[in-house]
Amino acid sequence: MLCVPLAINELERAAKQIVTSCQTREFRELSLQAEEDRFEVGSGTAWDVAQAQRCLCKPSECKIWN
């Protein structure tokens, strides 16, 4: 039967995707905190903070920026 191995494979893939999503969320939270910290000391801009917030709230709009 091919159904059971395929189902197991799909479950393993989904589990890895969940772990990756959690790690990505944690990274984005850390990035937001870093941008807020930079803004507080005057080395960051409000735009950088807003971009990090947007990236955290709407990942589909997230782009890698310098």
PDB file of N, CA and C in Angstrom:
ATOM      1  N   MET A   1       0.835  -1.184   0.000  1.00  0.00           N
ATOM      2  CA  MET A   1       0.000   0.000   0.000  1.00  0.00           C
ATOM      3  C   MET A   1       0.877   1.243   0.000  1.00  0.00           C
ATOM      4  N   LEU A   2       0.554   2.112  -0.870  1.00  0.00           N
ATOM      5  CA  LEU A   2       1.307   3.343  -1.027  1.00  0.00           C
ATOM      6  C   LEU A   2       0.759   4.470  -0.158  1.00  0.00           C
ATOM      7  N   CYS A   3      -0.471   4.370   0.273  1.00  0.00           N
ATOM      8  CA  CYS A   3      -1.116   5.452   1.022  1.00  0.00           C
ATOM      9  C   CYS A   3      -0.451   5.729   2.372  1.00  0.00           C
ATOM     10  N   VAL A   4      -0.094   4.705   3.098  1.00  0.00           N
ATOM     11  CA  VAL A   4       0.492   4.896   4.433  1.00  0.00           C
ATOM     12  C   VAL A   4       1.850   5.591   4.349  1.00  0.00           C
ATOM     13  N   PRO A   5       2.782   5.135   3.510  1.00  0.00           N
ATOM     14  CA  PRO A   5       4.064   5.849   3.413  1.00  0.00           C
ATOM     15  C   PRO A   5       3.893   7.301   2.957  1.00  0.00           C
ATOM     16  N   LEU A   6       2.973   7.546   2.046  1.00  0.00           N
ATOM     17  CA  LEU A   6       2.734   8.922   1.609  1.00  0.00           C
ATOM     18  C   LEU A   6       2.178   9.780   2.739  1.00  0.00           C
ATOM     19  N   ALA A   7       1.289   9.214   3.525  1.00  0.00           N
ATOM     20  CA  ALA A   7       0.720   9.944   4.657  1.00  0.00           C
ATOM     21  C   ALA A   7       1.790  10.251   5.699  1.00  0.00           C
ATOM     22  N   ILE A   8       2.657   9.303   5.941  1.00  0.00           N
ATOM     23  CA  ILE A   8       3.756   9.519   6.899  1.00  0.00           C
ATOM     24  C   ILE A   8       4.680  10.627   6.383  1.00  0.00           C
ATOM     25  N   ASN A   9       5.002  10.566   5.119  1.00  0.00           N
ATOM     26  CA  ASN A   9       5.853  11.583   4.509  1.00  0.00           C
ATOM     27  C   ASN A   9       5.209  12.971   4.629  1.00  0.00           C
ATOM     28  N   GLU A  10       3.940  13.056   4.386  1.00  0.00           N
ATOM     29  CA  GLU A  10       3.220  14.327   4.477  1.00  0.00           C
ATOM     30  C   GLU A  10       3.200  14.857   5.914  1.00  0.00           C
ATOM     31  N   LEU A  11       3.021  13.987   6.871  1.00  0.00           N
ATOM     32  CA  LEU A  11       3.053  14.395   8.283  1.00  0.00           C
ATOM     33  C   LEU A  11       4.434  14.903   8.685  1.00  0.00           C
ATOM     34  N   GLU A  12       5.460  14.219   8.236  1.00  0.00           N
ATOM     35  CA  GLU A  12       6.821  14.658   8.539  1.00  0.00           C
ATOM     36  C   GLU A  12       7.119  16.011   7.907  1.00  0.00           C
ATOM     37  N   ARG A  13       6.662  16.204   6.675  1.00  0.00           N
ATOM     38  CA  ARG A  13       6.852  17.481   5.993  1.00  0.00           C
ATOM     39  C   ARG A  13       6.111  18.589   6.729  1.00  0.00           C
ATOM     40  N   ALA A  14       4.891  18.322   7.130  1.00  0.00           N
ATOM     41  CA  ALA A  14       4.102  19.320   7.848  1.00  0.00           C
ATOM     42  C   ALA A  14       4.743  19.670   9.192  1.00  0.00           C
ATOM     43  N   ALA A  15       5.268  18.691   9.885  1.00  0.00           N
ATOM     44  CA  ALA A  15       5.934  18.939  11.170  1.00  0.00           C
ATOM     45  C   ALA A  15       7.161  19.832  10.973  1.00  0.00           C
ATOM     46  N   LYS A  16       7.932  19.571   9.928  1.00  0.00           N
ATOM     47  CA  LYS A  16       9.109  20.406   9.644  1.00  0.00           C
ATOM     48  C   LYS A  16       8.692  21.831   9.292  1.00  0.00           C
ATOM     49  N   GLN A  17       7.600  21.960   8.570  1.00  0.00           N
ATOM     50  CA  GLN A  17       7.110  23.278   8.191  1.00  0.00           C
ATOM     51  C   GLN A  17       6.661  24.066   9.430  1.00  0.00           C
ATOM     52  N   ILE A  18       6.039  23.396  10.374  1.00  0.00           N
ATOM     53  CA  ILE A  18       5.619  24.049  11.617  1.00  0.00           C
ATOM     54  C   ILE A  18       6.833  24.543  12.393  1.00  0.00           C
ATOM     55  N   VAL A  19       7.851  23.709  12.513  1.00  0.00           N
ATOM     56  CA  VAL A  19       9.077  24.102  13.222  1.00  0.00           C
ATOM     57  C   VAL A  19       9.716  25.303  12.538  1.00  0.00           C
ATOM     58  N   THR A  20       9.806  25.262  11.230  1.00  0.00           N
ATOM     59  CA  THR A  20      10.401  26.359  10.473  1.00  0.00           C
ATOM     60  C   THR A  20       9.597  27.641  10.650  1.00  0.00           C
ATOM     61  N   SER A  21       8.284  27.537  10.620  1.00  0.00           N
ATOM     62  CA  SER A  21       7.426  28.712  10.810  1.00  0.00           C
ATOM     63  C   SER A  21       7.618  29.324  12.190  1.00  0.00           C
ATOM     64  N   CYS A  22       7.734  28.483  13.205  1.00  0.00           N
ATOM     65  CA  CYS A  22       7.969  28.980  14.570  1.00  0.00           C
ATOM     66  C   CYS A  22       9.318  29.676  14.675  1.00  0.00           C
ATOM     67  N   GLN A  23      10.328  29.111  14.058  1.00  0.00           N
ATOM     68  CA  GLN A  23      11.656  29.717  14.081  1.00  0.00           C
ATOM     69  C   GLN A  23      11.652  31.059  13.345  1.00  0.00           C
ATOM     70  N   THR A  24      10.941  31.116  12.239  1.00  0.00           N
ATOM     71  CA  THR A  24      10.844  32.357  11.474  1.00  0.00           C
ATOM     72  C   THR A  24      10.148  33.436  12.293  1.00  0.00           C
ATOM     73  N   ARG A  25       9.077  33.064  12.979  1.00  0.00           N
ATOM     74  CA  ARG A  25       8.354  34.011  13.825  1.00  0.00           C
ATOM     75  C   ARG A  25       9.275  34.546  14.932  1.00  0.00           C
ATOM     76  N   GLU A  26      10.028  33.656  15.563  1.00  0.00           N
ATOM     77  CA  GLU A  26      10.954  34.082  16.612  1.00  0.00           C
ATOM     78  C   GLU A  26      12.004  35.039  16.054  1.00  0.00           C
ATOM     79  N   PHE A  27      12.525  34.743  14.874  1.00  0.00           N
ATOM     80  CA  PHE A  27      13.513  35.620  14.244  1.00  0.00           C
ATOM     81  C   PHE A  27      12.914  36.995  13.965  1.00  0.00           C
ATOM     82  N   ARG A  28      11.692  37.022  13.464  1.00  0.00           N
ATOM     83  CA  ARG A  28      11.045  38.298  13.164  1.00  0.00           C
ATOM     84  C   ARG A  28      10.765  39.099  14.425  1.00  0.00           C
ATOM     85  N   GLU A  29      10.424  38.415  15.518  1.00  0.00           N
ATOM     86  CA  GLU A  29      10.233  39.113  16.791  1.00  0.00           C
ATOM     87  C   GLU A  29      11.546  39.726  17.267  1.00  0.00           C
ATOM     88  N   LEU A  30      12.635  38.974  17.139  1.00  0.00           N
ATOM     89  CA  LEU A  30      13.951  39.496  17.518  1.00  0.00           C
ATOM     90  C   LEU A  30      14.362  40.667  16.625  1.00  0.00           C
ATOM     91  N   SER A  31      14.048  40.577  15.358  1.00  0.00           N
ATOM     92  CA  SER A  31      14.361  41.662  14.434  1.00  0.00           C
ATOM     93  C   SER A  31      13.596  42.927  14.799  1.00  0.00           C
ATOM     94  N   LEU A  32      12.328  42.765  15.151  1.00  0.00           N
ATOM     95  CA  LEU A  32      11.533  43.920  15.571  1.00  0.00           C
ATOM     96  C   LEU A  32      12.125  44.540  16.825  1.00  0.00           C
ATOM     97  N   GLN A  33      12.481  43.719  17.789  1.00  0.00           N
ATOM     98  CA  GLN A  33      13.067  44.243  19.018  1.00  0.00           C
ATOM     99  C   GLN A  33      14.369  44.990  18.724  1.00  0.00           C
ATOM    100  N   ALA A  34      15.173  44.444  17.836  1.00  0.00           N
ATOM    101  CA  ALA A  34      16.433  45.093  17.472  1.00  0.00           C
ATOM    102  C   ALA A  34      16.177  46.447  16.805  1.00  0.00           C
ATOM    103  N   GLU A  35      15.204  46.509  15.914  1.00  0.00           N
ATOM    104  CA  GLU A  35      14.880  47.774  15.254  1.00  0.00           C
ATOM    105  C   GLU A  35      14.345  48.789  16.259  1.00  0.00           C
ATOM    106  N   GLU A  36      13.522  48.342  17.207  1.00  0.00           N
ATOM    107  CA  GLU A  36      13.024  49.247  18.242  1.00  0.00           C
ATOM    108  C   GLU A  36      14.176  49.768  19.099  1.00  0.00           C
ATOM    109  N   ASP A  37      15.104  48.889  19.435  1.00  0.00           N
ATOM    110  CA  ASP A  37      16.270  49.298  20.222  1.00  0.00           C
ATOM    111  C   ASP A  37      17.122  50.309  19.456  1.00  0.00           C
ATOM    112  N   ARG A  38      17.338  50.044  18.173  1.00  0.00           N
ATOM    113  CA  ARG A  38      18.113  50.974  17.347  1.00  0.00           C
ATOM    114  C   ARG A  38      17.418  52.326  17.271  1.00  0.00           C
ATOM    115  N   PHE A  39      16.102  52.316  17.142  1.00  0.00           N
ATOM    116  CA  PHE A  39      15.341  53.564  17.075  1.00  0.00           C
ATOM    117  C   PHE A  39      15.473  54.355  18.377  1.00  0.00           C
ATOM    118  N   GLU A  40      15.410  53.645  19.490  1.00  0.00           N
ATOM    119  CA  GLU A  40      15.498  54.306  20.797  1.00  0.00           C
ATOM    120  C   GLU A  40      16.828  55.018  21.005  1.00  0.00           C
ATOM    121  N   VAL A  41      17.900  54.466  20.471  1.00  0.00           N
ATOM    122  CA  VAL A  41      19.216  55.095  20.651  1.00  0.00           C
ATOM    123  C   VAL A  41      19.576  56.034  19.501  1.00  0.00           C
ATOM    124  N   GLY A  42      18.667  56.185  18.555  1.00  0.00           N
ATOM    125  CA  GLY A  42      18.876  57.143  17.478  1.00  0.00           C
ATOM    126  C   GLY A  42      19.597  56.626  16.260  1.00  0.00           C
ATOM    127  N   SER A  43      19.856  55.338  16.175  1.00  0.00           N
ATOM    128  CA  SER A  43      20.556  54.826  14.995  1.00  0.00           C
ATOM    129  C   SER A  43      19.623  54.146  13.994  1.00  0.00           C
ATOM    130  N   GLY A  44      18.341  54.109  14.309  1.00  0.00           N
ATOM    131  CA  GLY A  44      17.354  53.529  13.403  1.00  0.00           C
ATOM    132  C   GLY A  44      16.267  54.542  13.108  1.00  0.00           C
ATOM    133  N   THR A  45      15.423  54.207  12.160  1.00  0.00           N
ATOM    134  CA  THR A  45      14.344  55.118  11.782  1.00  0.00           C
ATOM    135  C   THR A  45      12.990  54.498  12.102  1.00  0.00           C
ATOM    136  N   ALA A  46      11.982  55.345  12.135  1.00  0.00           N
ATOM    137  CA  ALA A  46      10.615  54.861  12.348  1.00  0.00           C
ATOM    138  C   ALA A  46      10.206  53.931  11.205  1.00  0.00           C
ATOM    139  N   TRP A  47      10.715  54.219   9.992  1.00  0.00           N
ATOM    140  CA  TRP A  47      10.397  53.368   8.853  1.00  0.00           C
ATOM    141  C   TRP A  47      10.933  51.950   9.067  1.00  0.00           C
ATOM    142  N   ASP A  48      12.141  51.837   9.614  1.00  0.00           N
ATOM    143  CA  ASP A  48      12.721  50.516   9.888  1.00  0.00           C
ATOM    144  C   ASP A  48      11.868  49.744  10.892  1.00  0.00           C
ATOM    145  N   VAL A  49      11.398  50.444  11.916  1.00  0.00           N
ATOM    146  CA  VAL A  49      10.535  49.809  12.917  1.00  0.00           C
ATOM    147  C   VAL A  49       9.222  49.378  12.269  1.00  0.00           C
ATOM    148  N   ALA A  50       8.635  50.264  11.475  1.00  0.00           N
ATOM    149  CA  ALA A  50       7.370  49.928  10.802  1.00  0.00           C
ATOM    150  C   ALA A  50       7.543  48.739   9.863  1.00  0.00           C
ATOM    151  N   GLN A  51       8.659  48.692   9.160  1.00  0.00           N
ATOM    152  CA  GLN A  51       8.923  47.572   8.251  1.00  0.00           C
ATOM    153  C   GLN A  51       9.042  46.263   9.025  1.00  0.00           C
ATOM    154  N   ALA A  52       9.721  46.297  10.163  1.00  0.00           N
ATOM    155  CA  ALA A  52       9.851  45.093  10.987  1.00  0.00           C
ATOM    156  C   ALA A  52       8.494  44.680  11.554  1.00  0.00           C
ATOM    157  N   GLN A  53       7.668  45.654  11.921  1.00  0.00           N
ATOM    158  CA  GLN A  53       6.316  45.332  12.400  1.00  0.00           C
ATOM    159  C   GLN A  53       5.491  44.695  11.290  1.00  0.00           C
ATOM    160  N   ARG A  54       5.578  45.254  10.103  1.00  0.00           N
ATOM    161  CA  ARG A  54       4.832  44.723   8.965  1.00  0.00           C
ATOM    162  C   ARG A  54       5.281  43.299   8.652  1.00  0.00           C
ATOM    163  N   CYS A  55       6.582  43.076   8.726  1.00  0.00           N
ATOM    164  CA  CYS A  55       7.145  41.749   8.453  1.00  0.00           C
ATOM    165  C   CYS A  55       6.632  40.729   9.467  1.00  0.00           C
ATOM    166  N   LEU A  56       6.476  41.167  10.706  1.00  0.00           N
ATOM    167  CA  LEU A  56       5.989  40.280  11.756  1.00  0.00           C
ATOM    168  C   LEU A  56       4.499  39.990  11.575  1.00  0.00           C
ATOM    169  N   CYS A  57       3.728  41.011  11.236  1.00  0.00           N
ATOM    170  CA  CYS A  57       2.270  40.857  11.141  1.00  0.00           C
ATOM    171  C   CYS A  57       1.800  40.253   9.826  1.00  0.00           C
ATOM    172  N   LYS A  58       2.473  40.625   8.739  1.00  0.00           N
ATOM    173  CA  LYS A  58       2.069  40.156   7.417  1.00  0.00           C
ATOM    174  C   LYS A  58       3.286  39.605   6.686  1.00  0.00           C
ATOM    175  N   PRO A  59       3.659  38.369   6.979  1.00  0.00           N
ATOM    176  CA  PRO A  59       4.870  37.799   6.379  1.00  0.00           C
ATOM    177  C   PRO A  59       4.879  37.817   4.863  1.00  0.00           C
ATOM    178  N   SER A  60       3.697  37.778   4.222  1.00  0.00           N
ATOM    179  CA  SER A  60       3.670  37.785   2.764  1.00  0.00           C
ATOM    180  C   SER A  60       4.176  39.108   2.202  1.00  0.00           C
ATOM    181  N   GLU A  61       4.146  40.159   3.023  1.00  0.00           N
ATOM    182  CA  GLU A  61       4.636  41.466   2.579  1.00  0.00           C
ATOM    183  C   GLU A  61       6.083  41.682   2.976  1.00  0.00           C
ATOM    184  N   CYS A  62       6.677  40.719   3.626  1.00  0.00           N
ATOM    185  CA  CYS A  62       8.035  40.854   4.148  1.00  0.00           C
ATOM    186  C   CYS A  62       9.036  40.715   3.011  1.00  0.00           C
ATOM    187  N   LYS A  63       9.938  41.663   2.962  1.00  0.00           N
ATOM    188  CA  LYS A  63      11.031  41.608   2.001  1.00  0.00           C
ATOM    189  C   LYS A  63      12.319  41.765   2.776  1.00  0.00           C
ATOM    190  N   ILE A  64      13.367  41.215   2.268  1.00  0.00           N
ATOM    191  CA  ILE A  64      14.668  41.365   2.911  1.00  0.00           C
ATOM    192  C   ILE A  64      15.187  42.756   2.548  1.00  0.00           C
ATOM    193  N   TRP A  65      15.563  43.486   3.563  1.00  0.00           N
ATOM    194  CA  TRP A  65      16.073  44.819   3.350  1.00  0.00           C
ATOM    195  C   TRP A  65      17.361  44.992   4.141  1.00  0.00           C
ATOM    196  N   ASN A  66      18.128  45.990   3.772  1.00  0.00           N
ATOM    197  CA  ASN A  66      19.407  46.269   4.431  1.00  0.00           C
ATOM    198  C   ASN A  66      19.209  47.231   5.567  1.00  0.00           C
TER     199      ASN A  66
END
